N, C-alpha and C. Protein backbone atom coordinates (compact mmCIF):
# COMPACT_ATOMS: atom_id res chain seq x y z
N MET A 1 -41.26 11.30 32.09
CA MET A 1 -40.57 12.17 31.16
C MET A 1 -39.06 11.95 31.21
N HIS A 2 -38.50 11.81 32.43
CA HIS A 2 -37.06 11.60 32.57
C HIS A 2 -36.63 10.27 31.95
N ARG A 3 -37.50 9.25 32.10
CA ARG A 3 -37.18 7.94 31.53
C ARG A 3 -37.11 8.04 30.00
N PHE A 4 -38.03 8.78 29.38
CA PHE A 4 -38.04 8.98 27.94
C PHE A 4 -36.76 9.69 27.48
N ALA A 5 -36.33 10.71 28.21
CA ALA A 5 -35.10 11.44 27.87
C ALA A 5 -33.89 10.52 28.00
N LEU A 6 -33.89 9.68 29.04
CA LEU A 6 -32.78 8.75 29.22
C LEU A 6 -32.72 7.75 28.07
N ILE A 7 -33.86 7.24 27.63
CA ILE A 7 -33.90 6.29 26.52
C ILE A 7 -33.43 6.96 25.23
N LEU A 8 -33.88 8.19 24.98
CA LEU A 8 -33.42 8.92 23.79
C LEU A 8 -31.92 9.15 23.83
N THR A 9 -31.40 9.48 24.99
CA THR A 9 -29.96 9.70 25.14
C THR A 9 -29.18 8.41 24.85
N LEU A 10 -29.67 7.29 25.35
CA LEU A 10 -29.01 6.00 25.10
C LEU A 10 -29.03 5.66 23.61
N ILE A 11 -30.18 5.85 22.96
CA ILE A 11 -30.28 5.55 21.54
C ILE A 11 -29.34 6.44 20.73
N ALA A 12 -29.32 7.73 21.06
CA ALA A 12 -28.43 8.66 20.35
C ALA A 12 -26.97 8.27 20.57
N GLY A 13 -26.63 7.89 21.79
CA GLY A 13 -25.26 7.48 22.09
C GLY A 13 -24.84 6.24 21.32
N MET A 14 -25.77 5.29 21.18
CA MET A 14 -25.46 4.08 20.41
C MET A 14 -25.25 4.43 18.94
N GLY A 15 -26.05 5.34 18.40
CA GLY A 15 -25.89 5.75 17.01
C GLY A 15 -24.57 6.44 16.77
N VAL A 16 -24.20 7.36 17.66
CA VAL A 16 -22.93 8.07 17.53
C VAL A 16 -21.77 7.09 17.70
N GLY A 17 -21.89 6.17 18.66
CA GLY A 17 -20.83 5.18 18.87
C GLY A 17 -20.66 4.27 17.68
N GLY A 18 -21.76 3.84 17.07
CA GLY A 18 -21.68 3.00 15.89
C GLY A 18 -21.03 3.72 14.72
N PHE A 19 -21.38 4.99 14.54
CA PHE A 19 -20.77 5.79 13.48
C PHE A 19 -19.29 5.97 13.74
N ALA A 20 -18.93 6.30 14.97
CA ALA A 20 -17.52 6.52 15.31
C ALA A 20 -16.71 5.26 15.10
N SER A 21 -17.26 4.11 15.48
CA SER A 21 -16.48 2.87 15.30
C SER A 21 -16.29 2.54 13.84
N SER A 22 -17.28 2.86 12.98
CA SER A 22 -17.09 2.60 11.55
C SER A 22 -16.05 3.54 10.96
N VAL A 23 -15.99 4.78 11.44
CA VAL A 23 -14.97 5.72 10.98
C VAL A 23 -13.60 5.25 11.42
N VAL A 24 -13.47 4.80 12.66
CA VAL A 24 -12.18 4.32 13.16
C VAL A 24 -11.75 3.08 12.39
N ARG A 25 -12.70 2.17 12.10
CA ARG A 25 -12.37 0.97 11.35
C ARG A 25 -11.85 1.31 9.96
N SER A 26 -12.48 2.29 9.30
CA SER A 26 -12.03 2.64 7.96
C SER A 26 -10.67 3.33 7.99
N GLN A 27 -10.37 4.04 9.08
CA GLN A 27 -9.07 4.68 9.19
C GLN A 27 -7.97 3.67 9.54
N ALA A 28 -8.37 2.51 10.04
CA ALA A 28 -7.39 1.52 10.46
C ALA A 28 -6.99 0.58 9.33
N ASP A 29 -7.47 0.82 8.09
CA ASP A 29 -7.03 0.00 6.98
C ASP A 29 -5.52 0.06 6.89
N PRO A 30 -4.87 -1.08 6.73
CA PRO A 30 -3.41 -1.05 6.66
C PRO A 30 -2.93 -0.38 5.37
N PRO A 31 -1.76 0.21 5.41
CA PRO A 31 -1.20 0.78 4.19
C PRO A 31 -0.87 -0.34 3.20
N ALA A 32 -0.71 0.03 1.96
CA ALA A 32 -0.36 -0.95 0.93
C ALA A 32 0.82 -0.43 0.14
N TYR A 33 1.61 -1.36 -0.36
CA TYR A 33 2.84 -1.00 -1.07
C TYR A 33 2.89 -1.70 -2.41
N PHE A 34 3.20 -0.93 -3.44
CA PHE A 34 3.39 -1.49 -4.78
C PHE A 34 4.89 -1.64 -4.96
N VAL A 35 5.34 -2.86 -5.06
CA VAL A 35 6.77 -3.17 -5.14
C VAL A 35 7.10 -3.53 -6.59
N THR A 36 8.09 -2.86 -7.14
CA THR A 36 8.55 -3.15 -8.50
C THR A 36 10.02 -3.51 -8.44
N LEU A 37 10.37 -4.67 -8.95
CA LEU A 37 11.74 -5.15 -8.99
C LEU A 37 12.20 -5.16 -10.44
N PHE A 38 13.23 -4.40 -10.72
CA PHE A 38 13.76 -4.30 -12.09
C PHE A 38 15.05 -5.09 -12.17
N ASP A 39 15.18 -5.93 -13.16
CA ASP A 39 16.39 -6.73 -13.33
C ASP A 39 17.28 -6.12 -14.41
N THR A 40 17.41 -4.81 -14.36
CA THR A 40 18.28 -4.10 -15.28
C THR A 40 18.91 -2.94 -14.52
N ALA A 41 20.16 -2.69 -14.75
CA ALA A 41 20.85 -1.63 -14.03
C ALA A 41 21.12 -0.41 -14.89
N SER A 42 21.04 -0.57 -16.20
CA SER A 42 21.42 0.54 -17.06
C SER A 42 20.32 1.60 -17.09
N ALA A 43 20.73 2.84 -17.11
CA ALA A 43 19.79 3.96 -17.15
C ALA A 43 18.97 3.91 -18.43
N ALA A 44 19.58 3.49 -19.54
CA ALA A 44 18.87 3.41 -20.82
C ALA A 44 17.75 2.38 -20.75
N ASP A 45 18.04 1.22 -20.17
CA ASP A 45 17.00 0.19 -20.04
C ASP A 45 15.88 0.66 -19.11
N MET A 46 16.24 1.33 -18.03
CA MET A 46 15.24 1.85 -17.10
C MET A 46 14.35 2.88 -17.80
N ALA A 47 14.96 3.75 -18.58
CA ALA A 47 14.20 4.79 -19.28
C ALA A 47 13.27 4.18 -20.32
N ASN A 48 13.66 3.06 -20.89
CA ASN A 48 12.86 2.39 -21.92
C ASN A 48 11.77 1.51 -21.33
N THR A 49 11.81 1.28 -20.04
CA THR A 49 10.87 0.37 -19.41
C THR A 49 9.45 0.92 -19.41
N ASN A 50 9.28 2.22 -19.20
CA ASN A 50 7.96 2.85 -19.17
C ASN A 50 7.04 2.22 -18.13
N TYR A 51 7.55 1.81 -17.00
CA TYR A 51 6.68 1.19 -16.01
C TYR A 51 6.01 2.29 -15.18
N PRO A 52 4.71 2.16 -14.90
CA PRO A 52 3.99 3.23 -14.21
C PRO A 52 4.54 3.62 -12.84
N SER A 53 5.21 2.71 -12.14
CA SER A 53 5.76 3.09 -10.83
C SER A 53 6.94 4.04 -10.98
N LEU A 54 7.42 4.24 -12.20
CA LEU A 54 8.49 5.21 -12.46
C LEU A 54 7.92 6.58 -12.83
N ALA A 55 6.60 6.70 -12.86
CA ALA A 55 5.95 7.96 -13.27
C ALA A 55 5.05 8.47 -12.14
N PRO A 56 5.57 9.34 -11.28
CA PRO A 56 4.79 9.84 -10.14
C PRO A 56 3.45 10.46 -10.54
N ALA A 57 3.37 11.05 -11.71
CA ALA A 57 2.11 11.67 -12.13
C ALA A 57 0.97 10.65 -12.25
N THR A 58 1.32 9.37 -12.39
CA THR A 58 0.26 8.35 -12.48
C THR A 58 -0.26 7.96 -11.10
N PHE A 59 0.60 7.92 -10.08
CA PHE A 59 0.15 7.44 -8.77
C PHE A 59 -0.12 8.53 -7.74
N GLN A 60 0.43 9.71 -7.90
CA GLN A 60 0.19 10.78 -6.92
C GLN A 60 -1.28 11.15 -6.78
N PRO A 61 -2.08 11.19 -7.85
CA PRO A 61 -3.50 11.49 -7.67
C PRO A 61 -4.24 10.47 -6.81
N PHE A 62 -3.66 9.30 -6.60
CA PHE A 62 -4.27 8.26 -5.78
C PHE A 62 -3.63 8.20 -4.39
N GLY A 63 -2.84 9.21 -4.06
CA GLY A 63 -2.20 9.27 -2.75
C GLY A 63 -0.90 8.50 -2.67
N GLY A 64 -0.40 8.01 -3.79
CA GLY A 64 0.84 7.26 -3.79
C GLY A 64 2.05 8.17 -3.64
N ARG A 65 3.07 7.64 -2.98
CA ARG A 65 4.33 8.38 -2.81
C ARG A 65 5.47 7.38 -2.76
N TYR A 66 6.62 7.84 -3.25
CA TYR A 66 7.79 6.95 -3.22
C TYR A 66 8.20 6.68 -1.79
N LEU A 67 8.46 5.42 -1.51
CA LEU A 67 9.07 5.00 -0.27
C LEU A 67 10.51 4.59 -0.57
N ILE A 68 10.68 3.90 -1.69
CA ILE A 68 12.02 3.50 -2.17
C ILE A 68 12.05 3.75 -3.67
N HIS A 69 13.11 4.39 -4.12
CA HIS A 69 13.29 4.61 -5.57
C HIS A 69 14.78 4.47 -5.85
N GLY A 70 15.19 3.23 -6.16
CA GLY A 70 16.61 2.98 -6.36
C GLY A 70 17.32 2.96 -5.02
N GLY A 71 18.47 3.53 -4.99
CA GLY A 71 19.24 3.56 -3.74
C GLY A 71 20.15 2.36 -3.62
N ARG A 72 21.02 2.44 -2.66
CA ARG A 72 22.00 1.38 -2.42
C ARG A 72 21.32 0.15 -1.86
N THR A 73 21.70 -1.01 -2.34
CA THR A 73 21.17 -2.28 -1.86
C THR A 73 22.31 -3.11 -1.30
N VAL A 74 22.08 -3.70 -0.15
CA VAL A 74 23.06 -4.60 0.48
C VAL A 74 22.41 -5.98 0.53
N SER A 75 23.07 -6.97 -0.04
CA SER A 75 22.53 -8.32 -0.07
C SER A 75 23.00 -9.11 1.13
N PHE A 76 22.06 -9.82 1.75
CA PHE A 76 22.41 -10.72 2.85
C PHE A 76 22.20 -12.18 2.44
N ASP A 77 21.18 -12.45 1.67
CA ASP A 77 20.91 -13.80 1.18
C ASP A 77 20.43 -13.69 -0.26
N GLY A 78 21.11 -14.33 -1.18
CA GLY A 78 20.68 -14.32 -2.57
C GLY A 78 21.07 -13.05 -3.30
N GLN A 79 20.71 -13.03 -4.56
CA GLN A 79 21.04 -11.91 -5.43
C GLN A 79 19.88 -10.90 -5.44
N PRO A 80 20.11 -9.66 -5.08
CA PRO A 80 19.02 -8.68 -5.10
C PRO A 80 18.74 -8.22 -6.53
N PRO A 81 17.56 -7.66 -6.77
CA PRO A 81 17.30 -7.09 -8.09
C PRO A 81 18.21 -5.88 -8.31
N LYS A 82 18.33 -5.48 -9.56
CA LYS A 82 19.21 -4.35 -9.90
C LYS A 82 18.65 -3.02 -9.38
N GLN A 83 17.34 -2.85 -9.49
CA GLN A 83 16.67 -1.63 -9.02
C GLN A 83 15.39 -2.02 -8.30
N ILE A 84 15.06 -1.28 -7.25
CA ILE A 84 13.83 -1.51 -6.49
C ILE A 84 13.08 -0.19 -6.39
N VAL A 85 11.78 -0.26 -6.64
CA VAL A 85 10.90 0.90 -6.46
C VAL A 85 9.73 0.44 -5.61
N VAL A 86 9.44 1.19 -4.53
CA VAL A 86 8.28 0.90 -3.69
C VAL A 86 7.46 2.18 -3.60
N VAL A 87 6.19 2.06 -3.96
CA VAL A 87 5.26 3.18 -3.87
C VAL A 87 4.26 2.86 -2.76
N ALA A 88 4.13 3.76 -1.79
CA ALA A 88 3.24 3.56 -0.65
C ALA A 88 1.89 4.22 -0.92
N PHE A 89 0.82 3.54 -0.51
CA PHE A 89 -0.55 4.04 -0.60
C PHE A 89 -1.21 3.89 0.76
N GLU A 90 -2.25 4.68 1.01
CA GLU A 90 -2.92 4.63 2.31
C GLU A 90 -3.68 3.32 2.51
N SER A 91 -4.04 2.63 1.42
CA SER A 91 -4.77 1.37 1.54
C SER A 91 -4.64 0.57 0.25
N MET A 92 -4.98 -0.70 0.33
CA MET A 92 -4.96 -1.55 -0.86
C MET A 92 -6.01 -1.06 -1.86
N THR A 93 -7.10 -0.51 -1.36
CA THR A 93 -8.14 0.01 -2.24
C THR A 93 -7.58 1.12 -3.13
N ARG A 94 -6.86 2.07 -2.53
CA ARG A 94 -6.29 3.18 -3.31
C ARG A 94 -5.24 2.66 -4.30
N LEU A 95 -4.44 1.69 -3.88
CA LEU A 95 -3.44 1.10 -4.77
C LEU A 95 -4.13 0.45 -5.97
N GLN A 96 -5.18 -0.30 -5.72
CA GLN A 96 -5.88 -0.99 -6.81
C GLN A 96 -6.59 0.00 -7.72
N GLU A 97 -7.06 1.12 -7.17
CA GLU A 97 -7.66 2.15 -8.01
C GLU A 97 -6.61 2.70 -8.98
N TRP A 98 -5.39 2.94 -8.48
CA TRP A 98 -4.31 3.40 -9.35
C TRP A 98 -3.99 2.34 -10.41
N HIS A 99 -3.86 1.09 -9.98
CA HIS A 99 -3.50 0.01 -10.90
C HIS A 99 -4.54 -0.17 -12.00
N GLY A 100 -5.78 0.13 -11.69
CA GLY A 100 -6.85 0.00 -12.68
C GLY A 100 -7.14 1.29 -13.44
N SER A 101 -6.36 2.33 -13.18
CA SER A 101 -6.64 3.64 -13.77
C SER A 101 -6.23 3.74 -15.23
N GLN A 102 -6.81 4.72 -15.89
CA GLN A 102 -6.46 5.02 -17.28
C GLN A 102 -4.99 5.42 -17.38
N ALA A 103 -4.50 6.21 -16.41
CA ALA A 103 -3.10 6.65 -16.43
C ALA A 103 -2.15 5.46 -16.39
N PHE A 104 -2.46 4.45 -15.57
CA PHE A 104 -1.62 3.25 -15.48
C PHE A 104 -1.64 2.51 -16.82
N ARG A 105 -2.85 2.29 -17.34
CA ARG A 105 -3.00 1.53 -18.60
C ARG A 105 -2.32 2.21 -19.78
N GLU A 106 -2.38 3.54 -19.81
CA GLU A 106 -1.76 4.27 -20.92
C GLU A 106 -0.25 4.13 -20.91
N LEU A 107 0.34 4.05 -19.74
CA LEU A 107 1.81 3.99 -19.65
C LEU A 107 2.34 2.55 -19.71
N TYR A 108 1.57 1.62 -19.19
CA TYR A 108 2.04 0.23 -19.11
C TYR A 108 2.12 -0.40 -20.49
N ASP A 109 3.27 -0.97 -20.78
CA ASP A 109 3.49 -1.68 -22.05
C ASP A 109 4.14 -3.01 -21.71
N VAL A 110 3.38 -4.08 -21.81
CA VAL A 110 3.88 -5.40 -21.43
C VAL A 110 5.13 -5.78 -22.20
N PHE A 111 5.29 -5.27 -23.41
CA PHE A 111 6.46 -5.62 -24.21
C PHE A 111 7.72 -4.89 -23.76
N LYS A 112 7.56 -3.82 -22.99
CA LYS A 112 8.71 -3.08 -22.47
C LYS A 112 8.97 -3.42 -21.01
N SER A 113 8.23 -4.37 -20.47
CA SER A 113 8.34 -4.69 -19.05
C SER A 113 8.83 -6.10 -18.81
N GLY A 114 9.62 -6.63 -19.73
CA GLY A 114 10.07 -8.02 -19.64
C GLY A 114 10.95 -8.33 -18.45
N LYS A 115 11.72 -7.37 -17.98
CA LYS A 115 12.64 -7.62 -16.87
C LYS A 115 12.12 -6.97 -15.60
N VAL A 116 10.80 -7.06 -15.41
CA VAL A 116 10.16 -6.41 -14.27
C VAL A 116 9.28 -7.42 -13.54
N GLN A 117 9.34 -7.37 -12.22
CA GLN A 117 8.38 -8.09 -11.38
C GLN A 117 7.67 -7.02 -10.56
N ALA A 118 6.35 -7.11 -10.47
CA ALA A 118 5.60 -6.14 -9.69
C ALA A 118 4.51 -6.85 -8.90
N PHE A 119 4.30 -6.39 -7.68
CA PHE A 119 3.26 -6.97 -6.83
C PHE A 119 2.88 -5.97 -5.75
N ALA A 120 1.74 -6.21 -5.13
CA ALA A 120 1.27 -5.36 -4.04
C ALA A 120 1.26 -6.17 -2.75
N VAL A 121 1.54 -5.49 -1.66
CA VAL A 121 1.53 -6.14 -0.35
C VAL A 121 0.97 -5.16 0.67
N GLU A 122 0.13 -5.68 1.58
CA GLU A 122 -0.38 -4.85 2.66
C GLU A 122 0.66 -4.76 3.75
N GLY A 123 0.74 -3.58 4.34
CA GLY A 123 1.64 -3.37 5.45
C GLY A 123 0.94 -3.62 6.77
N VAL A 124 1.56 -3.21 7.83
CA VAL A 124 1.02 -3.35 9.17
C VAL A 124 0.26 -2.07 9.49
N GLY A 125 -0.99 -2.20 9.92
CA GLY A 125 -1.80 -1.03 10.24
C GLY A 125 -1.27 -0.28 11.44
N SER A 126 -1.64 0.96 11.56
CA SER A 126 -1.16 1.81 12.65
C SER A 126 -1.67 1.34 14.00
N ASP A 127 -2.77 0.57 14.03
CA ASP A 127 -3.31 0.10 15.29
C ASP A 127 -2.55 -1.09 15.86
N SER A 128 -1.63 -1.68 15.08
CA SER A 128 -0.92 -2.86 15.55
C SER A 128 0.25 -2.52 16.45
N ALA A 129 0.79 -1.34 16.32
CA ALA A 129 1.93 -0.88 17.11
C ALA A 129 3.06 -1.90 17.13
N GLY A 130 3.23 -2.62 16.03
CA GLY A 130 4.32 -3.58 15.93
C GLY A 130 4.07 -4.87 16.68
N ALA A 131 2.86 -5.07 17.18
CA ALA A 131 2.56 -6.28 17.94
C ALA A 131 2.54 -7.49 17.02
N PHE A 132 2.93 -8.63 17.55
CA PHE A 132 2.88 -9.87 16.80
C PHE A 132 1.43 -10.23 16.55
N ASN A 133 1.07 -10.50 15.30
CA ASN A 133 -0.33 -10.78 14.98
C ASN A 133 -0.65 -12.27 14.92
N GLY A 134 0.31 -13.13 15.19
CA GLY A 134 0.05 -14.55 15.27
C GLY A 134 -0.02 -15.28 13.95
N ARG A 135 0.23 -14.60 12.83
CA ARG A 135 0.09 -15.27 11.53
C ARG A 135 1.20 -16.28 11.29
N PHE A 136 2.38 -16.05 11.73
CA PHE A 136 3.49 -16.98 11.48
C PHE A 136 3.98 -17.49 12.83
N ALA A 137 3.22 -18.41 13.37
CA ALA A 137 3.49 -18.88 14.73
C ALA A 137 4.88 -19.48 14.88
N HIS A 138 5.43 -20.08 13.82
CA HIS A 138 6.74 -20.70 13.94
C HIS A 138 7.83 -19.63 14.12
N ASN A 139 7.54 -18.38 13.81
CA ASN A 139 8.51 -17.30 14.01
C ASN A 139 8.20 -16.47 15.25
N ALA A 140 7.23 -16.92 16.02
CA ALA A 140 6.81 -16.15 17.20
C ALA A 140 7.93 -16.14 18.24
N PRO A 141 8.12 -14.98 18.88
CA PRO A 141 9.11 -14.94 19.96
C PRO A 141 8.66 -15.81 21.11
N GLN A 142 9.59 -16.45 21.76
CA GLN A 142 9.28 -17.33 22.90
C GLN A 142 9.26 -16.57 24.18
């Protein structure tokens, strides 16, 4: 009888452990950032752009929040864009859900976005703690 209880306990522990590890893995998805570079400085041009990253009501339902919205820029190499907007999301999945949403499509007008570059990039997950991940070995600290 004790052996049967021990086996049941081990099986239950493995099930709980497997579930917990899948929950931890899903929570460890790295954040994602939608970066928009505007090559116009005038307020009138910005207002006419109608780009979805300028409309919080389109991305907030997907967990998006401003990380950068304009602000002072200091150039170290090359010419910076006139305006920068970065919207942070909890994951690339949530960012892509926003990008594919009806709210995004309704606001986006390719003809009003001529001086805009936009792209998404994954950030560093919270489990990395800033550790070097080995992707760019030529930049690795010695």
